[in-house]
N, C-alpha and C. Protein backbone atom coordinates (compact mmCIF):
# COMPACT_ATOMS: atom_id res chain seq x y z
N UNK A 1 5.68 -25.84 -10.16
CA UNK A 1 5.00 -26.69 -9.20
C UNK A 1 3.79 -27.31 -9.90
N UNK A 2 3.68 -28.60 -9.78
CA UNK A 2 2.59 -29.30 -10.45
C UNK A 2 1.26 -29.03 -9.75
N UNK A 3 0.22 -29.31 -10.48
CA UNK A 3 -1.13 -29.12 -9.94
C UNK A 3 -1.33 -29.97 -8.69
N UNK A 4 -0.83 -31.19 -8.73
CA UNK A 4 -0.96 -32.07 -7.58
C UNK A 4 -0.24 -31.47 -6.37
N UNK A 5 0.97 -30.99 -6.57
CA UNK A 5 1.74 -30.42 -5.46
C UNK A 5 1.05 -29.18 -4.91
N UNK A 6 0.47 -28.39 -5.79
CA UNK A 6 -0.23 -27.19 -5.37
C UNK A 6 -1.46 -27.55 -4.51
N UNK A 7 -2.20 -28.54 -4.98
CA UNK A 7 -3.38 -28.99 -4.23
C UNK A 7 -2.97 -29.57 -2.88
N UNK A 8 -1.89 -30.33 -2.91
CA UNK A 8 -1.41 -30.92 -1.66
C UNK A 8 -1.00 -29.82 -0.68
N UNK A 9 -0.30 -28.82 -1.18
CA UNK A 9 0.13 -27.72 -0.33
C UNK A 9 -1.09 -26.99 0.25
N UNK A 10 -2.07 -26.73 -0.59
CA UNK A 10 -3.29 -26.05 -0.12
C UNK A 10 -4.02 -26.89 0.93
N UNK A 11 -4.10 -28.18 0.70
CA UNK A 11 -4.75 -29.06 1.67
C UNK A 11 -3.99 -29.07 3.00
N UNK A 12 -2.67 -29.15 2.90
CA UNK A 12 -1.87 -29.13 4.12
C UNK A 12 -2.04 -27.82 4.90
N UNK A 13 -2.09 -26.71 4.18
CA UNK A 13 -2.29 -25.42 4.84
C UNK A 13 -3.66 -25.38 5.52
N UNK A 14 -4.65 -25.87 4.82
CA UNK A 14 -6.00 -25.86 5.40
C UNK A 14 -6.07 -26.78 6.62
N UNK A 15 -5.44 -27.93 6.54
CA UNK A 15 -5.43 -28.84 7.68
C UNK A 15 -4.70 -28.20 8.86
N UNK A 16 -3.60 -27.53 8.57
CA UNK A 16 -2.88 -26.84 9.64
C UNK A 16 -3.74 -25.75 10.27
N UNK A 17 -4.45 -25.01 9.45
CA UNK A 17 -5.33 -23.96 9.99
C UNK A 17 -6.43 -24.57 10.86
N UNK A 18 -6.99 -25.66 10.37
CA UNK A 18 -8.04 -26.32 11.15
C UNK A 18 -7.49 -26.86 12.47
N UNK A 19 -6.27 -27.37 12.41
CA UNK A 19 -5.65 -27.88 13.63
C UNK A 19 -5.35 -26.76 14.63
N UNK A 20 -5.07 -25.59 14.11
CA UNK A 20 -4.67 -24.50 14.99
C UNK A 20 -5.87 -23.75 15.61
N UNK A 21 -7.05 -24.07 15.16
CA UNK A 21 -8.22 -23.42 15.74
C UNK A 21 -8.35 -23.85 17.19
N UNK A 22 -8.40 -22.92 18.01
CA UNK A 22 -8.45 -23.23 19.44
C UNK A 22 -9.87 -23.60 19.84
N UNK A 23 -9.97 -24.59 20.68
CA UNK A 23 -11.29 -25.00 21.15
C UNK A 23 -11.80 -24.07 22.26
N UNK A 24 -10.97 -23.12 22.62
CA UNK A 24 -11.38 -22.20 23.69
C UNK A 24 -12.37 -21.15 23.22
N UNK A 25 -12.51 -21.04 21.91
CA UNK A 25 -13.51 -20.09 21.41
C UNK A 25 -14.88 -20.56 21.86
N UNK A 26 -15.71 -19.63 21.99
CA UNK A 26 -17.06 -19.99 22.42
C UNK A 26 -17.91 -20.35 21.21
N UNK A 27 -17.48 -21.41 20.54
CA UNK A 27 -18.22 -21.88 19.38
C UNK A 27 -19.18 -22.98 19.83
N UNK A 28 -20.29 -23.01 19.20
CA UNK A 28 -21.23 -24.10 19.53
C UNK A 28 -20.61 -25.45 19.15
N UNK A 29 -21.04 -26.45 19.81
CA UNK A 29 -20.51 -27.80 19.59
C UNK A 29 -20.70 -28.28 18.15
N UNK A 30 -21.79 -27.93 17.54
CA UNK A 30 -22.03 -28.39 16.17
C UNK A 30 -21.03 -27.76 15.21
N UNK A 31 -20.57 -26.56 15.50
CA UNK A 31 -19.56 -25.91 14.66
C UNK A 31 -18.22 -26.66 14.78
N UNK A 32 -17.89 -27.01 15.99
CA UNK A 32 -16.65 -27.74 16.22
C UNK A 32 -16.70 -29.09 15.51
N UNK A 33 -17.81 -29.75 15.62
CA UNK A 33 -17.96 -31.05 14.95
C UNK A 33 -17.91 -30.89 13.44
N UNK A 34 -18.49 -29.82 12.94
CA UNK A 34 -18.48 -29.56 11.50
C UNK A 34 -17.04 -29.34 11.03
N UNK A 35 -16.28 -28.58 11.78
CA UNK A 35 -14.88 -28.33 11.42
C UNK A 35 -14.08 -29.61 11.47
N UNK A 36 -14.29 -30.42 12.50
CA UNK A 36 -13.59 -31.70 12.59
C UNK A 36 -13.95 -32.62 11.43
N UNK A 37 -15.21 -32.59 11.10
CA UNK A 37 -15.67 -33.40 9.98
C UNK A 37 -15.02 -32.96 8.67
N UNK A 38 -14.96 -31.66 8.45
CA UNK A 38 -14.32 -31.13 7.25
C UNK A 38 -12.83 -31.47 7.23
N UNK A 39 -12.22 -31.38 8.38
CA UNK A 39 -10.80 -31.73 8.49
C UNK A 39 -10.58 -33.19 8.11
N UNK A 40 -11.41 -34.07 8.65
CA UNK A 40 -11.29 -35.49 8.33
C UNK A 40 -11.54 -35.75 6.85
N UNK A 41 -12.51 -35.07 6.32
CA UNK A 41 -12.82 -35.23 4.90
C UNK A 41 -11.64 -34.79 4.04
N UNK A 42 -11.05 -33.66 4.37
CA UNK A 42 -9.90 -33.17 3.61
C UNK A 42 -8.70 -34.10 3.75
N UNK A 43 -8.50 -34.62 4.93
CA UNK A 43 -7.40 -35.57 5.15
C UNK A 43 -7.62 -36.82 4.31
N UNK A 44 -8.84 -37.30 4.27
CA UNK A 44 -9.15 -38.48 3.45
C UNK A 44 -8.95 -38.21 1.97
N UNK A 45 -9.37 -37.02 1.53
CA UNK A 45 -9.19 -36.66 0.12
C UNK A 45 -7.70 -36.60 -0.21
N UNK A 46 -6.94 -36.04 0.69
CA UNK A 46 -5.49 -35.96 0.47
C UNK A 46 -4.90 -37.35 0.31
N UNK A 47 -5.26 -38.26 1.20
CA UNK A 47 -4.75 -39.63 1.12
C UNK A 47 -5.16 -40.29 -0.19
N UNK A 48 -6.39 -40.06 -0.58
CA UNK A 48 -6.88 -40.65 -1.83
C UNK A 48 -6.11 -40.10 -3.04
N UNK A 49 -5.88 -38.80 -3.04
CA UNK A 49 -5.13 -38.18 -4.14
C UNK A 49 -3.69 -38.69 -4.16
N UNK A 50 -3.09 -38.84 -3.00
CA UNK A 50 -1.73 -39.36 -2.93
C UNK A 50 -1.67 -40.79 -3.46
N UNK A 51 -2.67 -41.57 -3.12
CA UNK A 51 -2.72 -42.96 -3.61
C UNK A 51 -2.87 -42.98 -5.13
N UNK A 52 -3.76 -42.14 -5.65
CA UNK A 52 -3.94 -42.06 -7.10
C UNK A 52 -2.65 -41.61 -7.78
N UNK A 53 -1.97 -40.66 -7.17
CA UNK A 53 -0.72 -40.19 -7.74
C UNK A 53 0.31 -41.31 -7.79
N UNK A 54 0.40 -42.10 -6.73
CA UNK A 54 1.34 -43.22 -6.71
C UNK A 54 1.01 -44.23 -7.80
N UNK A 55 -0.26 -44.50 -7.98
CA UNK A 55 -0.68 -45.43 -9.03
C UNK A 55 -0.32 -44.89 -10.41
N UNK A 56 -0.54 -43.61 -10.61
CA UNK A 56 -0.19 -43.00 -11.89
C UNK A 56 1.32 -43.01 -12.12
N UNK A 57 2.07 -42.80 -11.08
CA UNK A 57 3.53 -42.83 -11.21
C UNK A 57 4.02 -44.24 -11.57
N UNK A 58 3.42 -45.25 -10.94
CA UNK A 58 3.78 -46.63 -11.28
C UNK A 58 3.43 -46.94 -12.74
N UNK A 59 2.24 -46.52 -13.13
CA UNK A 59 1.82 -46.76 -14.51
C UNK A 59 2.72 -46.03 -15.49
N UNK A 60 3.08 -44.81 -15.15
CA UNK A 60 3.97 -44.02 -16.00
C UNK A 60 5.32 -44.72 -16.17
N UNK A 61 5.86 -45.22 -15.06
CA UNK A 61 7.14 -45.93 -15.10
C UNK A 61 7.04 -47.17 -15.96
N UNK A 62 5.95 -47.94 -15.78
CA UNK A 62 5.74 -49.15 -16.57
C UNK A 62 5.68 -48.83 -18.06
N UNK A 63 4.88 -47.81 -18.41
CA UNK A 63 4.73 -47.45 -19.82
C UNK A 63 6.03 -46.92 -20.41
N UNK A 64 6.76 -46.18 -19.62
CA UNK A 64 8.05 -45.65 -20.07
C UNK A 64 9.01 -46.80 -20.39
N UNK A 65 9.06 -47.80 -19.51
CA UNK A 65 9.91 -48.96 -19.74
C UNK A 65 9.45 -49.75 -20.96
N UNK A 66 8.15 -49.85 -21.11
CA UNK A 66 7.60 -50.59 -22.26
C UNK A 66 7.95 -49.88 -23.58
N UNK A 67 7.86 -48.57 -23.58
CA UNK A 67 8.22 -47.80 -24.78
C UNK A 67 9.69 -47.98 -25.09
N UNK A 68 10.52 -47.95 -24.06
CA UNK A 68 11.96 -48.14 -24.24
C UNK A 68 12.24 -49.50 -24.88
N UNK A 69 11.56 -50.54 -24.38
CA UNK A 69 11.75 -51.89 -24.91
C UNK A 69 11.28 -51.96 -26.37
N UNK A 70 10.14 -51.35 -26.66
CA UNK A 70 9.64 -51.36 -28.03
C UNK A 70 10.59 -50.63 -28.98
N UNK A 71 11.14 -49.52 -28.52
CA UNK A 71 12.10 -48.79 -29.35
C UNK A 71 13.34 -49.65 -29.61
N UNK A 72 13.79 -50.35 -28.58
CA UNK A 72 14.94 -51.25 -28.75
C UNK A 72 14.62 -52.34 -29.76
N UNK A 73 13.43 -52.94 -29.63
CA UNK A 73 13.02 -54.01 -30.56
C UNK A 73 12.94 -53.50 -31.99
N UNK A 74 12.38 -52.32 -32.16
CA UNK A 74 12.27 -51.75 -33.52
C UNK A 74 13.66 -51.49 -34.08
N UNK A 75 14.54 -50.98 -33.26
CA UNK A 75 15.91 -50.71 -33.70
C UNK A 75 16.61 -52.01 -34.12
N UNK A 76 16.44 -53.03 -33.31
CA UNK A 76 17.06 -54.32 -33.60
C UNK A 76 16.51 -54.91 -34.91
N UNK A 77 15.20 -54.83 -35.08
CA UNK A 77 14.59 -55.36 -36.31
C UNK A 77 15.05 -54.56 -37.52
N UNK A 78 15.23 -53.28 -37.34
CA UNK A 78 15.72 -52.44 -38.43
C UNK A 78 17.14 -52.84 -38.82
N UNK A 79 17.97 -53.13 -37.84
CA UNK A 79 19.34 -53.59 -38.12
C UNK A 79 19.32 -54.91 -38.87
N UNK A 80 18.46 -55.82 -38.43
CA UNK A 80 18.35 -57.12 -39.09
C UNK A 80 17.87 -56.94 -40.54
N UNK A 81 16.91 -56.07 -40.72
CA UNK A 81 16.40 -55.81 -42.07
C UNK A 81 17.49 -55.21 -42.96
N UNK A 82 18.26 -54.28 -42.41
CA UNK A 82 19.36 -53.68 -43.18
C UNK A 82 20.39 -54.73 -43.57
N UNK A 83 20.73 -55.61 -42.63
CA UNK A 83 21.69 -56.68 -42.91
C UNK A 83 21.15 -57.62 -43.98
N UNK A 84 19.87 -57.95 -43.87
CA UNK A 84 19.23 -58.82 -44.85
C UNK A 84 19.28 -58.17 -46.25
N UNK A 85 18.96 -56.90 -46.33
CA UNK A 85 19.00 -56.19 -47.61
C UNK A 85 20.41 -56.14 -48.18
N UNK A 86 21.38 -55.96 -47.30
CA UNK A 86 22.77 -55.95 -47.74
C UNK A 86 23.17 -57.32 -48.29
N UNK A 87 22.77 -58.38 -47.59
CA UNK A 87 23.06 -59.74 -48.06
C UNK A 87 22.41 -60.00 -49.42
N UNK A 88 21.20 -59.55 -49.59
CA UNK A 88 20.50 -59.73 -50.88
C UNK A 88 21.24 -58.98 -51.98
N UNK A 89 21.68 -57.79 -51.66
CA UNK A 89 22.41 -56.99 -52.65
C UNK A 89 23.72 -57.68 -53.04
N UNK A 90 24.41 -58.23 -52.04
CA UNK A 90 25.65 -58.95 -52.33
C UNK A 90 25.39 -60.19 -53.18
N UNK A 91 24.33 -60.92 -52.83
CA UNK A 91 23.98 -62.10 -53.63
C UNK A 91 23.59 -61.71 -55.06
N UNK A 92 22.89 -60.63 -55.16
CA UNK A 92 22.48 -60.16 -56.48
C UNK A 92 23.73 -59.80 -57.31
N UNK A 93 24.67 -59.15 -56.68
CA UNK A 93 25.91 -58.77 -57.38
C UNK A 93 26.69 -60.02 -57.78
N UNK A 94 26.78 -61.00 -56.89
CA UNK A 94 27.47 -62.25 -57.21
C UNK A 94 26.78 -62.97 -58.36
N UNK A 95 25.46 -62.96 -58.34
CA UNK A 95 24.70 -63.61 -59.42
C UNK A 95 24.99 -62.93 -60.75
N UNK A 96 25.01 -61.62 -60.74
CA UNK A 96 25.32 -60.88 -61.97
C UNK A 96 26.72 -61.21 -62.46
N UNK A 97 27.65 -61.31 -61.53
CA UNK A 97 29.03 -61.65 -61.90
C UNK A 97 29.09 -63.05 -62.48
N UNK A 98 28.37 -63.99 -61.86
CA UNK A 98 28.35 -65.36 -62.37
C UNK A 98 27.72 -65.43 -63.76
N UNK A 99 26.63 -64.72 -63.93
CA UNK A 99 25.97 -64.70 -65.24
C UNK A 99 26.92 -64.10 -66.28
N UNK A 100 27.62 -63.08 -65.89
CA UNK A 100 28.61 -62.45 -66.80
C UNK A 100 29.70 -63.43 -67.15
N UNK A 101 30.21 -64.18 -66.17
CA UNK A 101 31.24 -65.18 -66.41
C UNK A 101 30.73 -66.29 -67.35
N UNK A 102 29.49 -66.72 -67.11
CA UNK A 102 28.91 -67.77 -67.95
C UNK A 102 28.78 -67.27 -69.38
N UNK A 103 28.34 -66.02 -69.53
CA UNK A 103 28.23 -65.44 -70.87
C UNK A 103 29.60 -65.39 -71.57
N UNK A 104 30.65 -65.08 -70.82
CA UNK A 104 31.99 -65.05 -71.40
C UNK A 104 32.40 -66.44 -71.88
N UNK A 105 32.10 -67.46 -71.10
CA UNK A 105 32.48 -68.83 -71.43
C UNK A 105 31.70 -69.34 -72.64
N UNK A 106 30.50 -68.86 -72.77
CA UNK A 106 29.67 -69.34 -73.87
C UNK A 106 30.07 -68.70 -75.19
N UNK A 107 30.72 -67.63 -75.16
CA UNK A 107 31.12 -66.95 -76.40
C UNK A 107 32.35 -67.47 -76.98
């Protein structure tokens, strides 16, 4: 379980506990207001954390796709470079053969 999920679970449990507190207790009004205020604060924090998590997930997806594209580009360039080197090697071999043929004709 990720840290975010653990925090979310703890927040949900706390919110549930706060919701289940009965107003029938003989608590002073300021205590009830304090509890409601804490509940609202925790709910807001939860929403904020969820929003941040969504943003991070979007960014993660974007970066993952970007890395995939870069890897593809590097692979493609590597193939092109290999083909280029092969062509150069073939041309070099043909040149050597031509030079050898010219040398034979000159003798």
